[in-house]
Amino acid sequence: MEISREKQFLKIIKFMPSIFVTIFSIFVILFLYFENKKTFDEEKKDIEEKYISKNKDIIKEEVNRVYLFIY
């Protein structure tokens, strides 16, 4: 009985570090994934807003230029 328990304990000691590293790695990867996704979405929104604002200004200028040209 004692030898069997020792073998089980040795198996636990043998496999526990690799299991721990695997689980820890999964958590780190998930954290980085969601953090990068959040950053990407924020940058995407910022770029869209700048693009829309820039094009609105261009359209206003063109409409004013055409208006002045007509009158």
PDB file of N, CA and C in Angstrom:
ATOM      1  N   MET A   1       0.819  -1.196   0.000  1.00  0.00           N
ATOM      2  CA  MET A   1       0.000   0.000   0.000  1.00  0.00           C
ATOM      3  C   MET A   1       0.863   1.261   0.000  1.00  0.00           C
ATOM      4  N   GLU A   2       1.887   1.243   0.764  1.00  0.00           N
ATOM      5  CA  GLU A   2       2.739   2.423   0.874  1.00  0.00           C
ATOM      6  C   GLU A   2       3.459   2.716  -0.444  1.00  0.00           C
ATOM      7  N   ILE A   3       3.883   1.713  -1.134  1.00  0.00           N
ATOM      8  CA  ILE A   3       4.573   1.878  -2.413  1.00  0.00           C
ATOM      9  C   ILE A   3       3.600   2.432  -3.461  1.00  0.00           C
ATOM     10  N   SER A   4       2.383   1.983  -3.436  1.00  0.00           N
ATOM     11  CA  SER A   4       1.377   2.474  -4.370  1.00  0.00           C
ATOM     12  C   SER A   4       1.121   3.963  -4.152  1.00  0.00           C
ATOM     13  N   ARG A   5       1.039   4.380  -2.932  1.00  0.00           N
ATOM     14  CA  ARG A   5       0.827   5.798  -2.626  1.00  0.00           C
ATOM     15  C   ARG A   5       2.032   6.630  -3.060  1.00  0.00           C
ATOM     16  N   GLU A   6       3.188   6.090  -2.860  1.00  0.00           N
ATOM     17  CA  GLU A   6       4.399   6.795  -3.280  1.00  0.00           C
ATOM     18  C   GLU A   6       4.424   6.944  -4.797  1.00  0.00           C
ATOM     19  N   LYS A   7       4.022   5.921  -5.505  1.00  0.00           N
ATOM     20  CA  LYS A   7       3.984   5.997  -6.964  1.00  0.00           C
ATOM     21  C   LYS A   7       2.965   7.039  -7.421  1.00  0.00           C
ATOM     22  N   GLN A   8       1.822   7.066  -6.777  1.00  0.00           N
ATOM     23  CA  GLN A   8       0.816   8.059  -7.131  1.00  0.00           C
ATOM     24  C   GLN A   8       1.347   9.472  -6.858  1.00  0.00           C
ATOM     25  N   PHE A   9       1.994   9.619  -5.735  1.00  0.00           N
ATOM     26  CA  PHE A   9       2.557  10.916  -5.383  1.00  0.00           C
ATOM     27  C   PHE A   9       3.629  11.338  -6.390  1.00  0.00           C
ATOM     28  N   LEU A  10       4.454  10.397  -6.782  1.00  0.00           N
ATOM     29  CA  LEU A  10       5.491  10.689  -7.778  1.00  0.00           C
ATOM     30  C   LEU A  10       4.884  11.052  -9.133  1.00  0.00           C
ATOM     31  N   LYS A  11       3.805  10.389  -9.504  1.00  0.00           N
ATOM     32  CA  LYS A  11       3.125  10.736 -10.755  1.00  0.00           C
ATOM     33  C   LYS A  11       2.565  12.163 -10.680  1.00  0.00           C
ATOM     34  N   ILE A  12       1.998  12.487  -9.561  1.00  0.00           N
ATOM     35  CA  ILE A  12       1.461  13.842  -9.376  1.00  0.00           C
ATOM     36  C   ILE A  12       2.587  14.861  -9.484  1.00  0.00           C
ATOM     37  N   ILE A  13       3.691  14.595  -8.823  1.00  0.00           N
ATOM     38  CA  ILE A  13       4.836  15.500  -8.884  1.00  0.00           C
ATOM     39  C   ILE A  13       5.385  15.576 -10.314  1.00  0.00           C
ATOM     40  N   LYS A  14       5.345  14.505 -11.005  1.00  0.00           N
ATOM     41  CA  LYS A  14       5.880  14.451 -12.367  1.00  0.00           C
ATOM     42  C   LYS A  14       5.025  15.266 -13.350  1.00  0.00           C
ATOM     43  N   PHE A  15       3.719  15.170 -13.257  1.00  0.00           N
ATOM     44  CA  PHE A  15       2.839  15.801 -14.236  1.00  0.00           C
ATOM     45  C   PHE A  15       2.291  17.167 -13.824  1.00  0.00           C
ATOM     46  N   MET A  16       2.340  17.477 -12.574  1.00  0.00           N
ATOM     47  CA  MET A  16       1.746  18.726 -12.102  1.00  0.00           C
ATOM     48  C   MET A  16       2.401  19.968 -12.710  1.00  0.00           C
ATOM     49  N   PRO A  17       3.697  20.065 -12.802  1.00  0.00           N
ATOM     50  CA  PRO A  17       4.284  21.276 -13.398  1.00  0.00           C
ATOM     51  C   PRO A  17       3.856  21.501 -14.854  1.00  0.00           C
ATOM     52  N   SER A  18       3.817  20.457 -15.631  1.00  0.00           N
ATOM     53  CA  SER A  18       3.417  20.638 -17.029  1.00  0.00           C
ATOM     54  C   SER A  18       1.942  21.037 -17.128  1.00  0.00           C
ATOM     55  N   ILE A  19       1.106  20.488 -16.289  1.00  0.00           N
ATOM     56  CA  ILE A  19      -0.313  20.860 -16.270  1.00  0.00           C
ATOM     57  C   ILE A  19      -0.457  22.321 -15.840  1.00  0.00           C
ATOM     58  N   PHE A  20       0.291  22.696 -14.822  1.00  0.00           N
ATOM     59  CA  PHE A  20       0.244  24.077 -14.343  1.00  0.00           C
ATOM     60  C   PHE A  20       0.694  25.045 -15.434  1.00  0.00           C
ATOM     61  N   VAL A  21       1.781  24.742 -16.098  1.00  0.00           N
ATOM     62  CA  VAL A  21       2.301  25.608 -17.153  1.00  0.00           C
ATOM     63  C   VAL A  21       1.296  25.700 -18.301  1.00  0.00           C
ATOM     64  N   THR A  22       0.678  24.608 -18.658  1.00  0.00           N
ATOM     65  CA  THR A  22      -0.311  24.607 -19.731  1.00  0.00           C
ATOM     66  C   THR A  22      -1.508  25.483 -19.371  1.00  0.00           C
ATOM     67  N   ILE A  23      -2.031  25.326 -18.184  1.00  0.00           N
ATOM     68  CA  ILE A  23      -3.183  26.121 -17.751  1.00  0.00           C
ATOM     69  C   ILE A  23      -2.811  27.598 -17.660  1.00  0.00           C
ATOM     70  N   PHE A  24      -1.655  27.873 -17.104  1.00  0.00           N
ATOM     71  CA  PHE A  24      -1.193  29.257 -17.000  1.00  0.00           C
ATOM     72  C   PHE A  24      -1.026  29.876 -18.391  1.00  0.00           C
ATOM     73  N   SER A  25      -0.474  29.133 -19.311  1.00  0.00           N
ATOM     74  CA  SER A  25      -0.283  29.615 -20.683  1.00  0.00           C
ATOM     75  C   SER A  25      -1.621  29.913 -21.348  1.00  0.00           C
ATOM     76  N   ILE A  26      -2.587  29.072 -21.150  1.00  0.00           N
ATOM     77  CA  ILE A  26      -3.916  29.294 -21.720  1.00  0.00           C
ATOM     78  C   ILE A  26      -4.512  30.593 -21.180  1.00  0.00           C
ATOM     79  N   PHE A  27      -4.392  30.826 -19.881  1.00  0.00           N
ATOM     80  CA  PHE A  27      -4.912  32.057 -19.299  1.00  0.00           C
ATOM     81  C   PHE A  27      -4.195  33.286 -19.852  1.00  0.00           C
ATOM     82  N   VAL A  28      -2.896  33.205 -19.979  1.00  0.00           N
ATOM     83  CA  VAL A  28      -2.137  34.336 -20.515  1.00  0.00           C
ATOM     84  C   VAL A  28      -2.531  34.603 -21.966  1.00  0.00           C
ATOM     85  N   ILE A  29      -2.645  33.569 -22.757  1.00  0.00           N
ATOM     86  CA  ILE A  29      -3.037  33.722 -24.159  1.00  0.00           C
ATOM     87  C   ILE A  29      -4.432  34.338 -24.268  1.00  0.00           C
ATOM     88  N   LEU A  30      -5.359  33.865 -23.467  1.00  0.00           N
ATOM     89  CA  LEU A  30      -6.711  34.436 -23.497  1.00  0.00           C
ATOM     90  C   LEU A  30      -6.709  35.902 -23.088  1.00  0.00           C
ATOM     91  N   PHE A  31      -5.957  36.211 -22.049  1.00  0.00           N
ATOM     92  CA  PHE A  31      -5.867  37.602 -21.606  1.00  0.00           C
ATOM     93  C   PHE A  31      -5.314  38.489 -22.721  1.00  0.00           C
ATOM     94  N   LEU A  32      -4.222  38.063 -23.333  1.00  0.00           N
ATOM     95  CA  LEU A  32      -3.614  38.845 -24.411  1.00  0.00           C
ATOM     96  C   LEU A  32      -4.547  38.969 -25.613  1.00  0.00           C
ATOM     97  N   TYR A  33      -5.240  37.907 -25.936  1.00  0.00           N
ATOM     98  CA  TYR A  33      -6.182  37.940 -27.056  1.00  0.00           C
ATOM     99  C   TYR A  33      -7.262  38.997 -26.823  1.00  0.00           C
ATOM    100  N   PHE A  34      -7.901  38.959 -25.661  1.00  0.00           N
ATOM    101  CA  PHE A  34      -8.984  39.896 -25.404  1.00  0.00           C
ATOM    102  C   PHE A  34      -8.473  41.326 -25.252  1.00  0.00           C
ATOM    103  N   GLU A  35      -7.290  41.480 -24.709  1.00  0.00           N
ATOM    104  CA  GLU A  35      -6.711  42.815 -24.590  1.00  0.00           C
ATOM    105  C   GLU A  35      -6.399  43.388 -25.975  1.00  0.00           C
ATOM    106  N   ASN A  36      -5.842  42.578 -26.841  1.00  0.00           N
ATOM    107  CA  ASN A  36      -5.552  43.037 -28.200  1.00  0.00           C
ATOM    108  C   ASN A  36      -6.818  43.297 -28.992  1.00  0.00           C
ATOM    109  N   LYS A  37      -7.820  42.495 -28.787  1.00  0.00           N
ATOM    110  CA  LYS A  37      -9.107  42.707 -29.461  1.00  0.00           C
ATOM    111  C   LYS A  37      -9.719  44.038 -29.025  1.00  0.00           C
ATOM    112  N   LYS A  38      -9.639  44.322 -27.751  1.00  0.00           N
ATOM    113  CA  LYS A  38     -10.163  45.579 -27.225  1.00  0.00           C
ATOM    114  C   LYS A  38      -9.402  46.763 -27.828  1.00  0.00           C
ATOM    115  N   THR A  39      -8.090  46.681 -27.854  1.00  0.00           N
ATOM    116  CA  THR A  39      -7.268  47.743 -28.428  1.00  0.00           C
ATOM    117  C   THR A  39      -7.584  47.927 -29.910  1.00  0.00           C
ATOM    118  N   PHE A  40      -7.706  46.824 -30.621  1.00  0.00           N
ATOM    119  CA  PHE A  40      -8.031  46.882 -32.047  1.00  0.00           C
ATOM    120  C   PHE A  40      -9.368  47.575 -32.275  1.00  0.00           C
ATOM    121  N   ASP A  41     -10.377  47.208 -31.497  1.00  0.00           N
ATOM    122  CA  ASP A  41     -11.700  47.819 -31.659  1.00  0.00           C
ATOM    123  C   ASP A  41     -11.666  49.313 -31.377  1.00  0.00           C
ATOM    124  N   GLU A  42     -10.896  49.718 -30.365  1.00  0.00           N
ATOM    125  CA  GLU A  42     -10.790  51.137 -30.047  1.00  0.00           C
ATOM    126  C   GLU A  42     -10.096  51.895 -31.178  1.00  0.00           C
ATOM    127  N   GLU A  43      -9.022  51.337 -31.704  1.00  0.00           N
ATOM    128  CA  GLU A  43      -8.315  51.988 -32.803  1.00  0.00           C
ATOM    129  C   GLU A  43      -9.169  52.027 -34.062  1.00  0.00           C
ATOM    130  N   LYS A  44      -9.905  50.975 -34.300  1.00  0.00           N
ATOM    131  CA  LYS A  44     -10.800  50.919 -35.462  1.00  0.00           C
ATOM    132  C   LYS A  44     -11.854  52.020 -35.379  1.00  0.00           C
ATOM    133  N   LYS A  45     -12.438  52.169 -34.218  1.00  0.00           N
ATOM    134  CA  LYS A  45     -13.456  53.197 -34.021  1.00  0.00           C
ATOM    135  C   LYS A  45     -12.853  54.589 -34.218  1.00  0.00           C
ATOM    136  N   ASP A  46     -11.674  54.806 -33.691  1.00  0.00           N
ATOM    137  CA  ASP A  46     -11.007  56.095 -33.831  1.00  0.00           C
ATOM    138  C   ASP A  46     -10.709  56.403 -35.297  1.00  0.00           C
ATOM    139  N   ILE A  47     -10.220  55.429 -36.027  1.00  0.00           N
ATOM    140  CA  ILE A  47      -9.914  55.617 -37.450  1.00  0.00           C
ATOM    141  C   ILE A  47     -11.190  55.895 -38.238  1.00  0.00           C
ATOM    142  N   GLU A  48     -12.265  55.180 -37.932  1.00  0.00           N
ATOM    143  CA  GLU A  48     -13.542  55.421 -38.619  1.00  0.00           C
ATOM    144  C   GLU A  48     -14.034  56.849 -38.377  1.00  0.00           C
ATOM    145  N   GLU A  49     -13.944  57.306 -37.137  1.00  0.00           N
ATOM    146  CA  GLU A  49     -14.404  58.655 -36.814  1.00  0.00           C
ATOM    147  C   GLU A  49     -13.571  59.709 -37.546  1.00  0.00           C
ATOM    148  N   LYS A  50     -12.258  59.509 -37.588  1.00  0.00           N
ATOM    149  CA  LYS A  50     -11.394  60.451 -38.303  1.00  0.00           C
ATOM    150  C   LYS A  50     -11.704  60.445 -39.792  1.00  0.00           C
ATOM    151  N   TYR A  51     -11.913  59.280 -40.347  1.00  0.00           N
ATOM    152  CA  TYR A  51     -12.215  59.160 -41.780  1.00  0.00           C
ATOM    153  C   TYR A  51     -13.519  59.872 -42.113  1.00  0.00           C
ATOM    154  N   ILE A  52     -14.541  59.640 -41.317  1.00  0.00           N
ATOM    155  CA  ILE A  52     -15.846  60.270 -41.554  1.00  0.00           C
ATOM    156  C   ILE A  52     -15.737  61.787 -41.416  1.00  0.00           C
ATOM    157  N   SER A  53     -15.050  62.238 -40.396  1.00  0.00           N
ATOM    158  CA  SER A  53     -14.894  63.673 -40.188  1.00  0.00           C
ATOM    159  C   SER A  53     -14.140  64.319 -41.354  1.00  0.00           C
ATOM    160  N   LYS A  54     -13.077  63.687 -41.774  1.00  0.00           N
ATOM    161  CA  LYS A  54     -12.292  64.208 -42.896  1.00  0.00           C
ATOM    162  C   LYS A  54     -13.142  64.288 -44.167  1.00  0.00           C
ATOM    163  N   ASN A  55     -13.898  63.253 -44.450  1.00  0.00           N
ATOM    164  CA  ASN A  55     -14.731  63.243 -45.654  1.00  0.00           C
ATOM    165  C   ASN A  55     -15.887  64.236 -45.570  1.00  0.00           C
ATOM    166  N   LYS A  56     -16.410  64.442 -44.380  1.00  0.00           N
ATOM    167  CA  LYS A  56     -17.447  65.466 -44.226  1.00  0.00           C
ATOM    168  C   LYS A  56     -16.890  66.840 -44.573  1.00  0.00           C
ATOM    169  N   ASP A  57     -15.686  67.106 -44.114  1.00  0.00           N
ATOM    170  CA  ASP A  57     -15.057  68.397 -44.419  1.00  0.00           C
ATOM    171  C   ASP A  57     -14.817  68.536 -45.919  1.00  0.00           C
ATOM    172  N   ILE A  58     -14.348  67.491 -46.539  1.00  0.00           N
ATOM    173  CA  ILE A  58     -14.097  67.526 -47.989  1.00  0.00           C
ATOM    174  C   ILE A  58     -15.401  67.769 -48.746  1.00  0.00           C
ATOM    175  N   ILE A  59     -16.457  67.089 -48.348  1.00  0.00           N
ATOM    176  CA  ILE A  59     -17.753  67.257 -49.016  1.00  0.00           C
ATOM    177  C   ILE A  59     -18.272  68.678 -48.820  1.00  0.00           C
ATOM    178  N   LYS A  60     -18.143  69.230 -47.631  1.00  0.00           N
ATOM    179  CA  LYS A  60     -18.570  70.608 -47.378  1.00  0.00           C
ATOM    180  C   LYS A  60     -17.815  71.578 -48.282  1.00  0.00           C
ATOM    181  N   GLU A  61     -16.525  71.387 -48.391  1.00  0.00           N
ATOM    182  CA  GLU A  61     -15.726  72.265 -49.246  1.00  0.00           C
ATOM    183  C   GLU A  61     -16.156  72.157 -50.706  1.00  0.00           C
ATOM    184  N   GLU A  62     -16.409  70.954 -51.157  1.00  0.00           N
ATOM    185  CA  GLU A  62     -16.826  70.764 -52.551  1.00  0.00           C
ATOM    186  C   GLU A  62     -18.204  71.387 -52.810  1.00  0.00           C
ATOM    187  N   VAL A  63     -19.105  71.207 -51.876  1.00  0.00           N
ATOM    188  CA  VAL A  63     -20.438  71.797 -52.040  1.00  0.00           C
ATOM    189  C   VAL A  63     -20.327  73.320 -52.063  1.00  0.00           C
ATOM    190  N   ASN A  64     -19.530  73.886 -51.192  1.00  0.00           N
ATOM    191  CA  ASN A  64     -19.339  75.340 -51.185  1.00  0.00           C
ATOM    192  C   ASN A  64     -18.683  75.813 -52.479  1.00  0.00           C
ATOM    193  N   ARG A  65     -17.715  75.069 -52.972  1.00  0.00           N
ATOM    194  CA  ARG A  65     -17.057  75.440 -54.213  1.00  0.00           C
ATOM    195  C   ARG A  65     -18.047  75.409 -55.375  1.00  0.00           C
ATOM    196  N   VAL A  66     -18.860  74.382 -55.434  1.00  0.00           N
ATOM    197  CA  VAL A  66     -19.861  74.290 -56.493  1.00  0.00           C
ATOM    198  C   VAL A  66     -20.912  75.404 -56.350  1.00  0.00           C
ATOM    199  N   TYR A  67     -21.300  75.675 -55.138  1.00  0.00           N
ATOM    200  CA  TYR A  67     -22.279  76.735 -54.879  1.00  0.00           C
ATOM    201  C   TYR A  67     -21.728  78.085 -55.357  1.00  0.00           C
ATOM    202  N   LEU A  68     -20.483  78.362 -55.008  1.00  0.00           N
ATOM    203  CA  LEU A  68     -19.861  79.614 -55.450  1.00  0.00           C
ATOM    204  C   LEU A  68     -19.686  79.659 -56.966  1.00  0.00           C
ATOM    205  N   PHE A  69     -19.418  78.541 -57.534  1.00  0.00           N
ATOM    206  CA  PHE A  69     -19.263  78.471 -58.988  1.00  0.00           C
ATOM    207  C   PHE A  69     -20.580  78.759 -59.694  1.00  0.00           C
ATOM    208  N   ILE A  70     -21.670  78.260 -59.152  1.00  0.00           N
ATOM    209  CA  ILE A  70     -22.994  78.443 -59.750  1.00  0.00           C
ATOM    210  C   ILE A  70     -23.441  79.893 -59.605  1.00  0.00           C
ATOM    211  N   TYR A  71     -23.219  80.492 -58.447  1.00  0.00           N
ATOM    212  CA  TYR A  71     -23.706  81.855 -58.204  1.00  0.00           C
ATOM    213  C   TYR A  71     -22.599  82.800 -58.322  1.00  0.00           C
TER     214      TYR A  71
END
